[in-house]
């Protein structure tokens, strides 16, 4: 596991172009160190015999079966379009 000196919050903030004050960097560094210490604690737990994807509750798919059915034709879909061209909807430009 990475130690305190391996992950420098101030350096990473500079790479990400995030302006942190010295106090903010110290706070985030301590929080990161605490998270890494906790992860190290979790690594010490014996998980032999436990499935990698075990869940406390049963997991099931809630989606309906996908079935083919009749749908609109292109002409029907475009029948009420205020503007259309080449069987496509024409919409106002939203990006400058």
C-alpha atoms as a PDB file:
ATOM      1  CA  UNK A   1       0.000   0.000   0.000  1.00  0.00           C
ATOM      2  CA  UNK A   2       1.241   3.481  -0.786  1.00  0.00           C
ATOM      3  CA  UNK A   3       2.567   5.495   2.091  1.00  0.00           C
ATOM      4  CA  UNK A   4       2.185   9.178   2.835  1.00  0.00           C
ATOM      5  CA  UNK A   5       5.206  10.141   0.734  1.00  0.00           C
ATOM      6  CA  UNK A   6       3.964   8.160  -2.301  1.00  0.00           C
ATOM      7  CA  UNK A   7       0.806  10.232  -2.870  1.00  0.00           C
ATOM      8  CA  UNK A   8       1.345  13.963  -2.738  1.00  0.00           C
ATOM      9  CA  UNK A   9      -1.989  15.813  -2.865  1.00  0.00           C
ATOM     10  CA  UNK A  10      -0.417  19.170  -3.715  1.00  0.00           C
ATOM     11  CA  UNK A  11       1.448  17.640  -6.683  1.00  0.00           C
ATOM     12  CA  UNK A  12      -1.672  15.867  -7.975  1.00  0.00           C
ATOM     13  CA  UNK A  13      -3.700  19.070  -7.563  1.00  0.00           C
ATOM     14  CA  UNK A  14      -1.146  20.927  -9.709  1.00  0.00           C
ATOM     15  CA  UNK A  15      -1.365  18.209 -12.391  1.00  0.00           C
ATOM     16  CA  UNK A  16      -5.174  18.494 -12.344  1.00  0.00           C
ATOM     17  CA  UNK A  17      -4.900  22.295 -12.411  1.00  0.00           C
ATOM     18  CA  UNK A  18      -6.794  22.594  -9.143  1.00  0.00           C
ATOM     19  CA  UNK A  19      -5.717  25.553  -7.061  1.00  0.00           C
ATOM     20  CA  UNK A  20      -5.442  24.425  -3.451  1.00  0.00           C
ATOM     21  CA  UNK A  21      -4.167  26.531  -0.623  1.00  0.00           C
ATOM     22  CA  UNK A  22      -1.452  25.030   1.546  1.00  0.00           C
ATOM     23  CA  UNK A  23      -3.989  24.453   4.328  1.00  0.00           C
ATOM     24  CA  UNK A  24      -6.409  22.695   1.945  1.00  0.00           C
ATOM     25  CA  UNK A  25      -3.608  20.470   0.651  1.00  0.00           C
ATOM     26  CA  UNK A  26      -2.677  19.499   4.218  1.00  0.00           C
ATOM     27  CA  UNK A  27      -6.307  18.686   5.049  1.00  0.00           C
ATOM     28  CA  UNK A  28      -6.752  16.569   1.907  1.00  0.00           C
ATOM     29  CA  UNK A  29      -3.397  14.844   2.492  1.00  0.00           C
ATOM     30  CA  UNK A  30      -4.486  13.834   6.007  1.00  0.00           C
ATOM     31  CA  UNK A  31      -7.864  12.615   4.706  1.00  0.00           C
ATOM     32  CA  UNK A  32      -6.151  10.587   1.989  1.00  0.00           C
ATOM     33  CA  UNK A  33      -3.734   9.105   4.513  1.00  0.00           C
ATOM     34  CA  UNK A  34      -6.685   8.120   6.732  1.00  0.00           C
ATOM     35  CA  UNK A  35      -8.412   6.412   3.790  1.00  0.00           C
ATOM     36  CA  UNK A  36      -5.235   4.526   2.886  1.00  0.00           C
ATOM     37  CA  UNK A  37      -4.773   3.405   6.499  1.00  0.00           C
ATOM     38  CA  UNK A  38      -8.344   2.086   6.522  1.00  0.00           C
ATOM     39  CA  UNK A  39      -7.777   0.235   3.242  1.00  0.00           C
ATOM     40  CA  UNK A  40      -4.689  -1.338   4.770  1.00  0.00           C
ATOM     41  CA  UNK A  41      -6.834  -2.446   7.716  1.00  0.00           C
ATOM     42  CA  UNK A  42      -9.351  -3.996   5.299  1.00  0.00           C
ATOM     43  CA  UNK A  43      -6.558  -5.909   3.565  1.00  0.00           C
ATOM     44  CA  UNK A  44      -5.861  -7.701   6.850  1.00  0.00           C
ATOM     45  CA  UNK A  45      -9.352  -9.246   6.969  1.00  0.00           C
ATOM     46  CA  UNK A  46      -9.424 -12.975   6.192  1.00  0.00           C
ATOM     47  CA  UNK A  47     -11.733 -13.451   3.198  1.00  0.00           C
ATOM     48  CA  UNK A  48     -10.866 -17.048   2.334  1.00  0.00           C
ATOM     49  CA  UNK A  49     -13.934 -18.979   1.298  1.00  0.00           C
ATOM     50  CA  UNK A  50     -15.926 -15.879   0.371  1.00  0.00           C
ATOM     51  CA  UNK A  51     -17.021 -15.456  -3.227  1.00  0.00           C
ATOM     52  CA  UNK A  52     -15.586 -12.420  -4.994  1.00  0.00           C
ATOM     53  CA  UNK A  53     -19.011 -11.053  -5.885  1.00  0.00           C
ATOM     54  CA  UNK A  54     -20.999 -12.078  -2.816  1.00  0.00           C
ATOM     55  CA  UNK A  55     -23.970  -9.887  -1.903  1.00  0.00           C
ATOM     56  CA  UNK A  56     -25.934  -9.628   1.307  1.00  0.00           C
ATOM     57  CA  UNK A  57     -29.187  -9.566  -0.656  1.00  0.00           C
ATOM     58  CA  UNK A  58     -30.164 -11.598  -3.714  1.00  0.00           C
ATOM     59  CA  UNK A  59     -29.374  -9.853  -6.981  1.00  0.00           C
ATOM     60  CA  UNK A  60     -31.741 -10.259  -9.910  1.00  0.00           C
ATOM     61  CA  UNK A  61     -32.498  -8.555 -13.196  1.00  0.00           C
ATOM     62  CA  UNK A  62     -35.531  -6.255 -13.040  1.00  0.00           C
ATOM     63  CA  UNK A  63     -35.665  -5.561 -16.782  1.00  0.00           C
ATOM     64  CA  UNK A  64     -38.394  -6.950 -18.991  1.00  0.00           C
ATOM     65  CA  UNK A  65     -37.617  -9.307 -21.840  1.00  0.00           C
ATOM     66  CA  UNK A  66     -36.781  -7.487 -25.029  1.00  0.00           C
ATOM     67  CA  UNK A  67     -39.247  -8.451 -27.724  1.00  0.00           C
ATOM     68  CA  UNK A  68     -39.481  -7.183 -31.275  1.00  0.00           C
ATOM     69  CA  UNK A  69     -42.725  -5.414 -32.168  1.00  0.00           C
ATOM     70  CA  UNK A  70     -44.134  -3.055 -34.746  1.00  0.00           C
ATOM     71  CA  UNK A  71     -43.090   0.544 -34.275  1.00  0.00           C
ATOM     72  CA  UNK A  72     -43.265   3.846 -36.135  1.00  0.00           C
ATOM     73  CA  UNK A  73     -41.919   4.054 -39.626  1.00  0.00           C
ATOM     74  CA  UNK A  74     -39.550   6.927 -40.362  1.00  0.00           C
ATOM     75  CA  UNK A  75     -42.332   8.755 -42.180  1.00  0.00           C
ATOM     76  CA  UNK A  76     -44.722   8.390 -39.225  1.00  0.00           C
ATOM     77  CA  UNK A  77     -42.084   9.584 -36.758  1.00  0.00           C
ATOM     78  CA  UNK A  78     -41.339  12.642 -38.895  1.00  0.00           C
ATOM     79  CA  UNK A  79     -44.972  13.423 -39.739  1.00  0.00           C
ATOM     80  CA  UNK A  80     -45.321  16.112 -37.026  1.00  0.00           C
ATOM     81  CA  UNK A  81     -41.741  17.399 -37.135  1.00  0.00           C
ATOM     82  CA  UNK A  82     -41.621  21.183 -37.669  1.00  0.00           C
ATOM     83  CA  UNK A  83     -38.490  20.768 -39.825  1.00  0.00           C
ATOM     84  CA  UNK A  84     -36.992  17.712 -41.489  1.00  0.00           C
ATOM     85  CA  UNK A  85     -34.432  16.899 -44.161  1.00  0.00           C
ATOM     86  CA  UNK A  86     -33.173  13.603 -45.597  1.00  0.00           C
ATOM     87  CA  UNK A  87     -35.495  11.612 -43.296  1.00  0.00           C
ATOM     88  CA  UNK A  88     -33.997  13.307 -40.208  1.00  0.00           C
ATOM     89  CA  UNK A  89     -35.263  15.819 -37.640  1.00  0.00           C
ATOM     90  CA  UNK A  90     -33.773  19.287 -38.106  1.00  0.00           C
ATOM     91  CA  UNK A  91     -33.232  21.054 -34.772  1.00  0.00           C
ATOM     92  CA  UNK A  92     -31.705  24.420 -33.839  1.00  0.00           C
ATOM     93  CA  UNK A  93     -27.978  24.483 -33.224  1.00  0.00           C
ATOM     94  CA  UNK A  94     -27.292  24.517 -29.472  1.00  0.00           C
ATOM     95  CA  UNK A  95     -23.469  24.563 -29.453  1.00  0.00           C
ATOM     96  CA  UNK A  96     -21.606  27.630 -30.633  1.00  0.00           C
END
